[in-house]
């Protein structure tokens, strides 16, 4: 089985983030083994961040990528949640606080550099996942 770099979300974690004033745009980025379904099951079974409702949005093969390196690259673009400040997430690393404006700007610049027509970017979970994977993979 190959290692996969994934972006997952938990609706209950996002609801909690919105309630406490953190943000509702919380995602988990990490390395897992197997298919997206396998990763979902392992995150939910392990009660990752104290949640059991994980769903993998998108995953790609991690060609020689280390999880610590991926999170370091990602931290340069978006804020990683420090698990020491939020006991609710049970010490889980790799929880990212995403600013939708950063996602939109990333894709607008990418389209402009490619010479494509400027069009509005819909910031949906799949778009956010693509942005996070690109940032983490370098």
N, C-alpha and C. Protein backbone atom coordinates (compact mmCIF):
# COMPACT_ATOMS: atom_id res chain seq x y z
N UNK A 1 0.84 -1.18 0.00
CA UNK A 1 0.00 0.00 0.00
C UNK A 1 0.89 1.25 0.00
N UNK A 2 0.41 2.26 -0.67
CA UNK A 2 1.19 3.49 -0.77
C UNK A 2 0.70 4.53 0.24
N UNK A 3 1.61 5.42 0.60
CA UNK A 3 1.25 6.53 1.47
C UNK A 3 0.49 7.57 0.67
N UNK A 4 -0.53 8.12 1.29
CA UNK A 4 -1.36 9.13 0.64
C UNK A 4 -1.37 10.39 1.50
N UNK A 5 -1.20 11.52 0.84
CA UNK A 5 -1.37 12.82 1.49
C UNK A 5 -2.85 13.16 1.35
N UNK A 6 -3.52 13.43 2.46
CA UNK A 6 -4.96 13.62 2.41
C UNK A 6 -5.39 14.91 3.10
N UNK A 7 -6.58 15.36 2.73
CA UNK A 7 -7.28 16.44 3.41
C UNK A 7 -8.63 15.88 3.80
N UNK A 8 -8.94 15.99 5.09
CA UNK A 8 -10.20 15.45 5.60
C UNK A 8 -10.89 16.53 6.43
N UNK A 9 -12.19 16.32 6.62
CA UNK A 9 -12.92 17.24 7.47
C UNK A 9 -13.90 16.47 8.34
N UNK A 10 -14.22 17.08 9.45
CA UNK A 10 -15.20 16.55 10.38
C UNK A 10 -16.23 17.66 10.60
N UNK A 11 -17.45 17.38 10.28
CA UNK A 11 -18.51 18.40 10.45
C UNK A 11 -18.62 18.84 11.91
N UNK A 12 -18.49 17.90 12.84
CA UNK A 12 -18.62 18.28 14.25
C UNK A 12 -17.44 19.15 14.68
N UNK A 13 -16.25 18.91 14.15
CA UNK A 13 -15.09 19.75 14.47
C UNK A 13 -15.29 21.14 13.87
N UNK A 14 -15.81 21.22 12.65
CA UNK A 14 -16.06 22.52 12.03
C UNK A 14 -17.15 23.29 12.80
N UNK A 15 -18.18 22.60 13.25
CA UNK A 15 -19.22 23.25 14.05
C UNK A 15 -18.63 23.79 15.35
N UNK A 16 -17.80 22.98 16.01
CA UNK A 16 -17.16 23.41 17.25
C UNK A 16 -16.28 24.63 17.01
N UNK A 17 -15.50 24.62 15.92
CA UNK A 17 -14.63 25.76 15.60
C UNK A 17 -15.43 27.04 15.39
N UNK A 18 -16.57 26.92 14.74
CA UNK A 18 -17.43 28.08 14.54
C UNK A 18 -18.02 28.60 15.84
N UNK A 19 -18.37 27.67 16.75
CA UNK A 19 -18.98 28.05 18.02
C UNK A 19 -17.99 28.77 18.95
N UNK A 20 -16.74 28.34 18.96
CA UNK A 20 -15.76 28.92 19.88
C UNK A 20 -15.05 30.13 19.30
N UNK A 21 -15.39 30.50 18.07
CA UNK A 21 -14.80 31.68 17.46
C UNK A 21 -13.48 31.44 16.75
N UNK A 22 -13.11 30.19 16.58
CA UNK A 22 -11.87 29.86 15.87
C UNK A 22 -12.09 30.06 14.37
N UNK A 23 -12.87 29.25 13.76
CA UNK A 23 -13.38 29.35 12.40
C UNK A 23 -14.09 28.04 12.09
N UNK A 24 -14.99 28.10 11.14
CA UNK A 24 -15.63 26.84 10.72
C UNK A 24 -14.82 26.15 9.63
N UNK A 25 -13.78 26.80 9.15
CA UNK A 25 -12.95 26.25 8.08
C UNK A 25 -11.74 25.51 8.67
N UNK A 26 -12.01 24.40 9.35
CA UNK A 26 -10.97 23.57 9.94
C UNK A 26 -10.87 22.27 9.16
N UNK A 27 -9.64 21.90 8.78
CA UNK A 27 -9.40 20.69 8.00
C UNK A 27 -8.21 19.95 8.59
N UNK A 28 -8.17 18.66 8.39
CA UNK A 28 -7.07 17.82 8.84
C UNK A 28 -6.25 17.45 7.63
N UNK A 29 -4.93 17.69 7.70
CA UNK A 29 -4.01 17.30 6.63
C UNK A 29 -3.02 16.33 7.24
N UNK A 30 -2.78 15.23 6.54
CA UNK A 30 -1.84 14.24 7.06
C UNK A 30 -1.52 13.18 6.04
N UNK A 31 -0.74 12.21 6.48
CA UNK A 31 -0.38 11.07 5.64
C UNK A 31 -1.10 9.84 6.16
N UNK A 32 -1.64 9.07 5.25
CA UNK A 32 -2.32 7.84 5.60
C UNK A 32 -1.96 6.76 4.61
N UNK A 33 -2.35 5.55 4.94
CA UNK A 33 -2.05 4.41 4.08
C UNK A 33 -3.35 3.85 3.54
N UNK A 34 -3.37 3.56 2.24
CA UNK A 34 -4.53 2.94 1.62
C UNK A 34 -5.36 3.94 0.84
N UNK A 35 -6.60 3.57 0.63
CA UNK A 35 -7.52 4.41 -0.14
C UNK A 35 -8.14 5.47 0.76
N UNK A 36 -8.88 6.37 0.15
CA UNK A 36 -9.57 7.42 0.91
C UNK A 36 -10.52 6.80 1.93
N UNK A 37 -11.20 5.74 1.54
CA UNK A 37 -12.14 5.07 2.44
C UNK A 37 -11.40 4.46 3.64
N UNK A 38 -10.21 3.87 3.39
CA UNK A 38 -9.41 3.31 4.49
C UNK A 38 -8.98 4.40 5.46
N UNK A 39 -8.57 5.55 4.91
CA UNK A 39 -8.12 6.66 5.75
C UNK A 39 -9.28 7.20 6.57
N UNK A 40 -10.45 7.34 5.96
CA UNK A 40 -11.65 7.79 6.68
C UNK A 40 -11.95 6.87 7.86
N UNK A 41 -11.92 5.57 7.58
CA UNK A 41 -12.23 4.60 8.62
C UNK A 41 -11.21 4.64 9.76
N UNK A 42 -9.93 4.81 9.43
CA UNK A 42 -8.91 4.84 10.48
C UNK A 42 -9.01 6.12 11.31
N UNK A 43 -9.31 7.26 10.67
CA UNK A 43 -9.47 8.50 11.42
C UNK A 43 -10.68 8.42 12.35
N UNK A 44 -11.78 7.92 11.84
CA UNK A 44 -13.00 7.81 12.64
C UNK A 44 -12.85 6.79 13.76
N UNK A 45 -12.23 5.66 13.47
CA UNK A 45 -12.06 4.62 14.48
C UNK A 45 -11.12 5.09 15.60
N UNK A 46 -10.11 5.88 15.25
CA UNK A 46 -9.16 6.37 16.24
C UNK A 46 -9.69 7.59 16.98
N UNK A 47 -10.89 8.05 16.60
CA UNK A 47 -11.48 9.26 17.20
C UNK A 47 -10.48 10.42 17.12
N UNK A 48 -9.96 10.63 15.93
CA UNK A 48 -8.99 11.68 15.66
C UNK A 48 -9.59 13.03 16.09
N UNK A 49 -8.85 13.78 16.89
CA UNK A 49 -9.29 15.08 17.43
C UNK A 49 -10.61 14.94 18.20
N UNK A 50 -10.87 13.74 18.73
CA UNK A 50 -12.07 13.51 19.50
C UNK A 50 -13.34 13.41 18.67
N UNK A 51 -13.20 13.16 17.37
CA UNK A 51 -14.34 13.09 16.47
C UNK A 51 -14.39 11.76 15.74
N UNK A 52 -15.58 11.32 15.40
CA UNK A 52 -15.74 10.07 14.69
C UNK A 52 -16.45 10.21 13.35
N UNK A 53 -16.58 11.45 12.86
CA UNK A 53 -17.33 11.68 11.62
C UNK A 53 -16.45 12.23 10.50
N UNK A 54 -15.27 11.68 10.34
CA UNK A 54 -14.32 12.17 9.34
C UNK A 54 -14.68 11.72 7.94
N UNK A 55 -14.45 12.62 6.98
CA UNK A 55 -14.59 12.26 5.58
C UNK A 55 -13.41 12.86 4.82
N UNK A 56 -12.78 12.03 3.99
CA UNK A 56 -11.64 12.49 3.20
C UNK A 56 -12.19 13.21 1.98
N UNK A 57 -11.74 14.43 1.78
CA UNK A 57 -12.20 15.23 0.64
C UNK A 57 -11.38 14.89 -0.59
N UNK A 58 -10.07 14.85 -0.40
CA UNK A 58 -9.19 14.58 -1.54
C UNK A 58 -7.89 14.01 -1.01
N UNK A 59 -7.29 13.11 -1.79
CA UNK A 59 -5.97 12.59 -1.41
C UNK A 59 -5.15 12.33 -2.67
N UNK A 60 -3.84 12.43 -2.51
CA UNK A 60 -2.90 12.19 -3.61
C UNK A 60 -1.76 11.35 -3.06
N UNK A 61 -1.06 10.69 -3.97
CA UNK A 61 0.09 9.89 -3.54
C UNK A 61 1.17 10.79 -2.98
N UNK A 62 1.76 10.36 -1.89
CA UNK A 62 2.83 11.12 -1.24
C UNK A 62 4.15 10.49 -1.65
N UNK A 63 4.71 11.00 -2.70
CA UNK A 63 5.95 10.43 -3.24
C UNK A 63 7.14 10.88 -2.41
N UNK A 64 7.57 10.05 -1.46
CA UNK A 64 8.71 10.36 -0.62
C UNK A 64 8.50 11.54 0.30
N UNK A 65 7.27 11.83 0.65
CA UNK A 65 6.95 12.98 1.48
C UNK A 65 6.77 12.54 2.92
N UNK A 66 7.32 13.30 3.82
CA UNK A 66 7.21 13.06 5.25
C UNK A 66 6.11 13.97 5.81
N UNK A 67 5.32 13.49 6.75
CA UNK A 67 4.22 14.29 7.28
C UNK A 67 4.72 15.57 7.94
N UNK A 68 5.83 15.50 8.67
CA UNK A 68 6.36 16.69 9.33
C UNK A 68 6.78 17.74 8.30
N UNK A 69 7.40 17.31 7.20
CA UNK A 69 7.79 18.25 6.14
C UNK A 69 6.57 18.88 5.49
N UNK A 70 5.56 18.06 5.24
CA UNK A 70 4.33 18.57 4.61
C UNK A 70 3.66 19.61 5.50
N UNK A 71 3.61 19.36 6.81
CA UNK A 71 2.98 20.30 7.72
C UNK A 71 3.81 21.58 7.86
N UNK A 72 5.13 21.46 7.77
CA UNK A 72 5.99 22.65 7.81
C UNK A 72 5.74 23.52 6.60
N UNK A 73 5.64 22.90 5.41
CA UNK A 73 5.35 23.67 4.20
C UNK A 73 3.98 24.33 4.29
N UNK A 74 3.02 23.60 4.80
CA UNK A 74 1.66 24.10 4.92
C UNK A 74 1.59 25.27 5.91
N UNK A 75 2.38 25.19 6.97
CA UNK A 75 2.37 26.25 7.99
C UNK A 75 2.86 27.58 7.44
N UNK A 76 3.59 27.55 6.33
CA UNK A 76 4.04 28.79 5.70
C UNK A 76 2.89 29.51 5.01
N UNK A 77 1.83 28.79 4.67
CA UNK A 77 0.69 29.38 3.96
C UNK A 77 -0.53 29.60 4.85
N UNK A 78 -0.81 28.65 5.72
CA UNK A 78 -2.00 28.72 6.57
C UNK A 78 -1.63 28.41 8.02
N UNK A 79 -2.50 28.79 8.93
CA UNK A 79 -2.25 28.60 10.36
C UNK A 79 -2.60 27.17 10.78
N UNK A 80 -1.62 26.50 11.37
CA UNK A 80 -1.89 25.20 11.98
C UNK A 80 -2.35 25.44 13.42
N UNK A 81 -3.35 24.71 13.82
CA UNK A 81 -3.89 24.86 15.17
C UNK A 81 -2.95 24.16 16.15
N UNK A 82 -2.53 24.88 17.17
CA UNK A 82 -1.66 24.32 18.20
C UNK A 82 -2.53 23.50 19.16
N UNK A 83 -2.33 22.19 19.21
CA UNK A 83 -3.20 21.35 20.05
C UNK A 83 -3.07 21.62 21.55
N UNK A 84 -1.99 22.30 21.96
CA UNK A 84 -1.84 22.61 23.38
C UNK A 84 -2.83 23.67 23.85
N UNK A 85 -3.28 24.54 22.93
CA UNK A 85 -4.20 25.60 23.30
C UNK A 85 -5.66 25.16 23.28
N UNK A 86 -5.94 24.09 22.59
CA UNK A 86 -7.32 23.62 22.44
C UNK A 86 -7.42 22.16 22.87
N UNK A 87 -7.69 21.92 24.15
CA UNK A 87 -7.77 20.53 24.63
C UNK A 87 -8.88 19.73 23.95
N UNK A 88 -9.85 20.42 23.35
CA UNK A 88 -10.96 19.76 22.67
C UNK A 88 -10.49 18.89 21.50
N UNK A 89 -9.32 19.22 20.89
CA UNK A 89 -8.86 18.44 19.74
C UNK A 89 -7.90 17.32 20.14
N UNK A 90 -7.78 17.07 21.43
CA UNK A 90 -7.08 15.89 21.96
C UNK A 90 -5.64 15.74 21.47
N UNK A 91 -4.92 16.85 21.34
CA UNK A 91 -3.51 16.79 20.97
C UNK A 91 -3.23 16.44 19.52
N UNK A 92 -4.22 16.50 18.68
CA UNK A 92 -4.07 16.12 17.27
C UNK A 92 -3.32 17.19 16.47
N UNK A 93 -2.29 16.76 15.76
CA UNK A 93 -1.53 17.67 14.89
C UNK A 93 -2.13 17.63 13.49
N UNK A 94 -1.86 18.67 12.73
CA UNK A 94 -2.30 18.69 11.34
C UNK A 94 -3.67 19.29 11.11
N UNK A 95 -4.25 19.92 12.14
CA UNK A 95 -5.53 20.61 11.97
C UNK A 95 -5.19 22.02 11.47
N UNK A 96 -5.78 22.39 10.35
CA UNK A 96 -5.46 23.65 9.69
C UNK A 96 -6.65 24.60 9.73
N UNK A 97 -6.36 25.86 10.05
CA UNK A 97 -7.36 26.93 10.03
C UNK A 97 -7.20 27.64 8.70
N UNK A 98 -8.15 27.47 7.81
CA UNK A 98 -8.04 27.99 6.44
C UNK A 98 -8.80 29.31 6.31
N UNK A 99 -8.15 30.28 5.66
CA UNK A 99 -8.81 31.54 5.33
C UNK A 99 -9.30 31.42 3.88
N UNK A 100 -10.62 31.45 3.66
CA UNK A 100 -11.14 31.32 2.30
C UNK A 100 -10.57 32.36 1.33
N UNK A 101 -10.25 33.55 1.82
CA UNK A 101 -9.68 34.58 0.94
C UNK A 101 -8.33 34.14 0.38
N UNK A 102 -7.54 33.42 1.18
CA UNK A 102 -6.26 32.92 0.69
C UNK A 102 -6.45 31.90 -0.43
N UNK A 103 -7.46 31.06 -0.29
CA UNK A 103 -7.75 30.05 -1.30
C UNK A 103 -8.17 30.74 -2.60
N UNK A 104 -9.06 31.70 -2.49
CA UNK A 104 -9.53 32.42 -3.66
C UNK A 104 -8.38 33.15 -4.36
N UNK A 105 -7.55 33.83 -3.58
CA UNK A 105 -6.42 34.55 -4.16
C UNK A 105 -5.44 33.61 -4.85
N UNK A 106 -5.20 32.46 -4.26
CA UNK A 106 -4.28 31.48 -4.85
C UNK A 106 -4.73 31.08 -6.26
N UNK A 107 -6.00 30.75 -6.39
CA UNK A 107 -6.51 30.30 -7.69
C UNK A 107 -6.64 31.45 -8.69
N UNK A 108 -6.94 32.66 -8.21
CA UNK A 108 -6.99 33.80 -9.12
C UNK A 108 -5.60 34.10 -9.69
N UNK A 109 -4.58 34.06 -8.84
CA UNK A 109 -3.20 34.29 -9.31
C UNK A 109 -2.77 33.17 -10.25
N UNK A 110 -3.11 31.95 -9.91
CA UNK A 110 -2.76 30.80 -10.76
C UNK A 110 -3.40 30.96 -12.14
N UNK A 111 -4.65 31.35 -12.20
CA UNK A 111 -5.33 31.56 -13.49
C UNK A 111 -4.71 32.72 -14.26
N UNK A 112 -4.36 33.79 -13.58
CA UNK A 112 -3.75 34.94 -14.23
C UNK A 112 -2.39 34.58 -14.82
N UNK A 113 -1.60 33.82 -14.09
CA UNK A 113 -0.28 33.41 -14.58
C UNK A 113 -0.39 32.46 -15.76
N UNK A 114 -1.45 31.69 -15.80
CA UNK A 114 -1.66 30.77 -16.92
C UNK A 114 -2.29 31.48 -18.12
N UNK A 115 -2.62 32.77 -17.95
CA UNK A 115 -3.21 33.53 -19.05
C UNK A 115 -4.67 33.22 -19.28
N UNK A 116 -5.32 32.61 -18.30
CA UNK A 116 -6.73 32.27 -18.43
C UNK A 116 -7.61 33.46 -18.05
N UNK A 117 -8.82 33.41 -18.51
CA UNK A 117 -9.79 34.46 -18.21
C UNK A 117 -10.06 34.49 -16.70
N UNK A 118 -10.08 35.71 -16.14
CA UNK A 118 -10.36 35.86 -14.72
C UNK A 118 -11.83 35.54 -14.45
N UNK A 119 -12.04 34.54 -13.66
CA UNK A 119 -13.40 34.20 -13.28
C UNK A 119 -13.45 33.99 -11.78
N UNK A 120 -14.60 34.15 -11.21
CA UNK A 120 -14.76 34.01 -9.77
C UNK A 120 -14.48 32.56 -9.36
N UNK A 121 -13.84 32.42 -8.24
CA UNK A 121 -13.50 31.10 -7.72
C UNK A 121 -14.49 30.76 -6.62
N UNK A 122 -15.13 29.62 -6.76
CA UNK A 122 -16.03 29.15 -5.70
C UNK A 122 -15.20 28.42 -4.66
N UNK A 123 -15.23 28.93 -3.45
CA UNK A 123 -14.46 28.31 -2.37
C UNK A 123 -15.35 27.26 -1.71
N UNK A 124 -15.17 26.04 -2.16
CA UNK A 124 -15.91 24.89 -1.64
C UNK A 124 -14.87 23.93 -1.05
N UNK A 125 -15.29 22.94 -0.28
CA UNK A 125 -14.32 22.02 0.32
C UNK A 125 -13.34 21.38 -0.68
N UNK A 126 -13.79 21.04 -1.87
CA UNK A 126 -12.90 20.44 -2.85
C UNK A 126 -11.82 21.44 -3.31
N UNK A 127 -12.19 22.70 -3.46
CA UNK A 127 -11.23 23.74 -3.82
C UNK A 127 -10.22 23.95 -2.70
N UNK A 128 -10.71 23.98 -1.47
CA UNK A 128 -9.83 24.14 -0.31
C UNK A 128 -8.88 22.97 -0.21
N UNK A 129 -9.37 21.76 -0.45
CA UNK A 129 -8.52 20.56 -0.39
C UNK A 129 -7.41 20.63 -1.44
N UNK A 130 -7.73 21.05 -2.64
CA UNK A 130 -6.72 21.18 -3.70
C UNK A 130 -5.65 22.19 -3.30
N UNK A 131 -6.07 23.30 -2.72
CA UNK A 131 -5.15 24.34 -2.26
C UNK A 131 -4.23 23.80 -1.16
N UNK A 132 -4.81 23.11 -0.17
CA UNK A 132 -4.02 22.58 0.93
C UNK A 132 -3.03 21.51 0.46
N UNK A 133 -3.46 20.64 -0.43
CA UNK A 133 -2.56 19.60 -0.95
C UNK A 133 -1.41 20.21 -1.71
N UNK A 134 -1.68 21.22 -2.51
CA UNK A 134 -0.61 21.89 -3.26
C UNK A 134 0.37 22.57 -2.31
N UNK A 135 -0.14 23.22 -1.28
CA UNK A 135 0.71 23.91 -0.31
C UNK A 135 1.55 22.91 0.50
N UNK A 136 0.97 21.78 0.85
CA UNK A 136 1.68 20.78 1.67
C UNK A 136 2.73 20.01 0.85
N UNK A 137 2.42 19.75 -0.41
CA UNK A 137 3.34 18.99 -1.25
C UNK A 137 4.50 19.84 -1.74
N UNK A 138 4.31 21.14 -1.72
CA UNK A 138 5.40 22.05 -2.14
C UNK A 138 5.41 22.20 -3.55
